[in-house]
Amino acid sequence: MDETTRFASRSGIADIEETAEFAPKFDADGLIPAITADAASGQVLMFAWMNAEALEATLASGEAYFYSRSRRRLWKKGESSGEILKVERVSTDCDQDVVLLKVSPQGRGAACHTGRRSCFYREVKRAGGGWRLEPVGAERLFDPAAVYGKPGSGSQPA
């Protein structure tokens, strides 16, 4: 185990695929993709990045933490908006380079910083000779400008 993170060391691919040891594979920037889905419905709510500190904080606290690449810091989901994600289960894929958080949304139930339940509120549809986005489940559960204090605050995480 690595003393700084409590995660197992990575060995051969066969060991990674079949082991009971959690040995997440972080990329060259020290990040791992994190998919977040509703524990009850299975709906994908959001995608974000985690560093070892965020993953460790999530596992220890039972609430979702992520790493903001733009602000270069750890952030707790819901620290500004109150839209905390209670983590019910954490899974990883076969080669441990992605984590899946099954969560119970708290607050108003919005996982997206735009005030929507899911960040995946638009579907790609064929339109003429190109592609367009059509809203699906795009109802806002809160007003981002009111929550984050500035208009057009789409860059602020919930």
Protein backbone atom coordinates (compact mmCIF):
# COMPACT_ATOMS: atom_id res chain seq x y z
CA MET A 1 0.00 0.00 0.00
CA ASP A 2 1.10 3.54 -0.75
CA GLU A 3 1.46 5.44 2.55
CA THR A 4 0.06 8.69 1.13
CA THR A 5 -3.22 7.29 -0.17
CA ARG A 6 -3.83 3.86 1.34
CA PHE A 7 -4.38 2.48 -2.17
CA ALA A 8 -2.68 -0.75 -3.22
CA SER A 9 0.27 -0.63 -5.59
CA ARG A 10 -0.43 -1.61 -9.19
CA SER A 11 1.13 -4.78 -10.53
CA GLY A 12 0.52 -6.83 -13.69
CA ILE A 13 -2.71 -6.45 -15.66
CA ALA A 14 -3.98 -9.91 -14.71
CA ASP A 15 -3.55 -9.06 -11.04
CA ILE A 16 -5.35 -5.73 -11.48
CA GLU A 17 -8.33 -7.37 -13.23
CA GLU A 18 -8.84 -10.11 -10.66
CA THR A 19 -7.49 -8.72 -7.39
CA ALA A 20 -9.51 -7.71 -4.35
CA GLU A 21 -7.00 -4.89 -3.77
CA PHE A 22 -8.10 -1.40 -4.81
CA ALA A 23 -5.26 -0.03 -6.95
CA PRO A 24 -6.71 2.85 -8.99
CA LYS A 25 -4.79 3.96 -12.08
CA PHE A 26 -4.37 7.72 -12.13
CA ASP A 27 -3.31 9.38 -15.40
CA ALA A 28 -0.09 11.36 -15.97
CA ASP A 29 -1.73 14.38 -14.27
CA GLY A 30 -2.65 12.29 -11.22
CA LEU A 31 -6.34 12.14 -12.12
CA ILE A 32 -8.94 9.41 -12.59
CA PRO A 33 -12.33 9.81 -14.35
CA ALA A 34 -15.34 9.61 -12.03
CA ILE A 35 -18.81 8.86 -13.36
CA THR A 36 -21.65 9.67 -10.98
CA ALA A 37 -25.02 7.94 -11.24
CA ASP A 38 -28.19 7.98 -9.15
CA ALA A 39 -28.14 4.95 -6.84
CA ALA A 40 -31.92 4.44 -7.13
CA SER A 41 -32.58 5.04 -10.83
CA GLY A 42 -29.18 4.45 -12.43
CA GLN A 43 -29.42 7.80 -14.28
CA VAL A 44 -25.99 9.22 -15.07
CA LEU A 45 -25.77 12.55 -13.28
CA MET A 46 -22.32 13.90 -13.99
CA PHE A 47 -18.71 13.27 -14.93
CA ALA A 48 -15.76 14.82 -13.13
CA TRP A 49 -12.14 14.12 -12.29
CA MET A 50 -10.69 12.94 -9.00
CA ASN A 51 -7.15 13.02 -7.74
CA ALA A 52 -6.01 10.68 -4.97
CA GLU A 53 -7.01 13.21 -2.31
CA ALA A 54 -10.54 13.55 -3.72
CA LEU A 55 -10.97 9.78 -4.00
CA GLU A 56 -9.69 9.27 -0.47
CA ALA A 57 -11.98 12.03 0.90
CA THR A 58 -14.97 10.51 -0.91
CA LEU A 59 -14.30 7.02 0.45
CA ALA A 60 -13.66 8.31 3.98
CA SER A 61 -16.60 10.75 4.21
CA GLY A 62 -19.32 9.09 2.14
CA GLU A 63 -19.83 12.37 0.24
CA ALA A 64 -18.51 13.14 -3.25
CA TYR A 65 -15.31 15.15 -3.64
CA PHE A 66 -13.69 15.98 -6.97
CA TYR A 67 -10.65 17.79 -8.33
CA SER A 68 -11.22 21.01 -10.27
CA ARG A 69 -8.75 21.18 -13.15
CA SER A 70 -9.57 24.84 -13.81
CA ARG A 71 -9.13 25.96 -10.19
CA ARG A 72 -6.51 23.31 -9.40
CA ARG A 73 -8.06 22.35 -6.10
CA LEU A 74 -10.18 19.79 -4.33
CA TRP A 75 -13.89 20.62 -4.14
CA LYS A 76 -16.72 19.01 -2.27
CA LYS A 77 -19.80 18.55 -4.44
CA GLY A 78 -22.41 20.90 -3.04
CA GLU A 79 -20.00 23.14 -1.12
CA SER A 80 -21.56 26.24 -2.77
CA SER A 81 -25.03 25.03 -3.73
CA GLY A 82 -25.93 22.58 -0.98
CA GLU A 83 -26.44 19.90 -3.64
CA ILE A 84 -24.34 17.28 -1.83
CA LEU A 85 -24.04 13.80 -3.29
CA LYS A 86 -24.24 11.08 -0.63
CA VAL A 87 -22.17 8.16 -1.86
CA GLU A 88 -23.89 4.79 -1.54
CA ARG A 89 -21.40 2.64 -3.49
CA VAL A 90 -18.10 3.05 -5.32
CA SER A 91 -17.11 0.67 -8.11
CA THR A 92 -14.23 0.55 -10.54
CA ASP A 93 -13.90 -0.91 -14.01
CA CYS A 94 -11.86 -3.99 -14.95
CA ASP A 95 -8.49 -2.23 -15.12
CA GLN A 96 -9.26 0.25 -12.34
CA ASP A 97 -8.80 3.40 -14.42
CA VAL A 98 -12.36 4.77 -13.92
CA VAL A 99 -14.54 4.96 -10.83
CA LEU A 100 -18.33 4.87 -10.70
CA LEU A 101 -20.06 6.57 -7.79
CA LYS A 102 -23.63 5.49 -7.07
CA VAL A 103 -25.10 8.41 -5.15
CA SER A 104 -28.22 9.75 -3.48
CA PRO A 105 -28.55 13.44 -4.40
CA GLN A 106 -29.35 15.69 -1.44
CA GLY A 107 -30.76 19.22 -1.40
CA ARG A 108 -33.01 19.91 -4.37
CA GLY A 109 -31.61 16.93 -6.27
CA ALA A 110 -29.53 18.88 -8.81
CA ALA A 111 -26.17 17.34 -9.68
CA CYS A 112 -25.34 19.85 -12.44
CA HIS A 113 -23.93 23.33 -11.79
CA THR A 114 -26.49 24.62 -14.30
CA GLY A 115 -29.21 23.78 -11.76
CA ARG A 116 -30.39 20.62 -13.51
CA ARG A 117 -30.70 17.10 -12.13
CA SER A 118 -28.12 15.75 -14.58
CA CYS A 119 -25.31 17.33 -16.59
CA PHE A 120 -26.53 15.14 -19.48
CA TYR A 121 -29.65 17.18 -20.23
CA ARG A 122 -29.24 17.37 -24.03
CA GLU A 123 -29.35 14.66 -26.69
CA VAL A 124 -27.50 14.86 -29.99
CA LYS A 125 -29.99 14.62 -32.88
CA ARG A 126 -29.58 14.70 -36.65
CA ALA A 127 -30.81 17.98 -38.11
CA GLY A 128 -30.54 18.53 -41.82
CA GLY A 129 -26.95 17.86 -42.80
CA GLY A 130 -25.58 18.28 -39.28
CA TRP A 131 -26.27 17.72 -35.62
CA ARG A 132 -28.19 19.65 -32.97
CA LEU A 133 -28.75 19.38 -29.27
CA GLU A 134 -32.27 18.81 -27.97
CA PRO A 135 -33.13 19.34 -24.30
CA VAL A 136 -34.16 16.23 -22.38
CA GLY A 137 -34.96 16.54 -18.68
CA ALA A 138 -33.63 20.10 -18.81
CA GLU A 139 -35.81 21.58 -16.05
CA ARG A 140 -33.77 23.71 -13.65
CA LEU A 141 -34.09 22.82 -9.99
CA PHE A 142 -32.28 26.01 -8.94
CA ASP A 143 -31.12 29.29 -10.48
CA PRO A 144 -27.31 29.22 -10.81
CA ALA A 145 -27.04 33.04 -10.69
CA ALA A 146 -28.89 33.09 -7.36
CA VAL A 147 -26.81 30.25 -5.91
CA TYR A 148 -23.36 31.29 -7.13
CA GLY A 149 -23.97 35.03 -6.97
CA LYS A 150 -23.12 36.00 -10.52
CA PRO A 151 -24.95 35.80 -13.85
CA GLY A 152 -23.69 33.26 -16.36
CA SER A 153 -21.97 31.32 -13.62
CA GLY A 154 -21.81 28.15 -15.66
CA SER A 155 -18.18 27.63 -14.66
CA GLN A 156 -19.05 27.15 -11.01
CA PRO A 157 -19.52 23.56 -9.78
CA ALA A 158 -22.62 22.79 -7.76
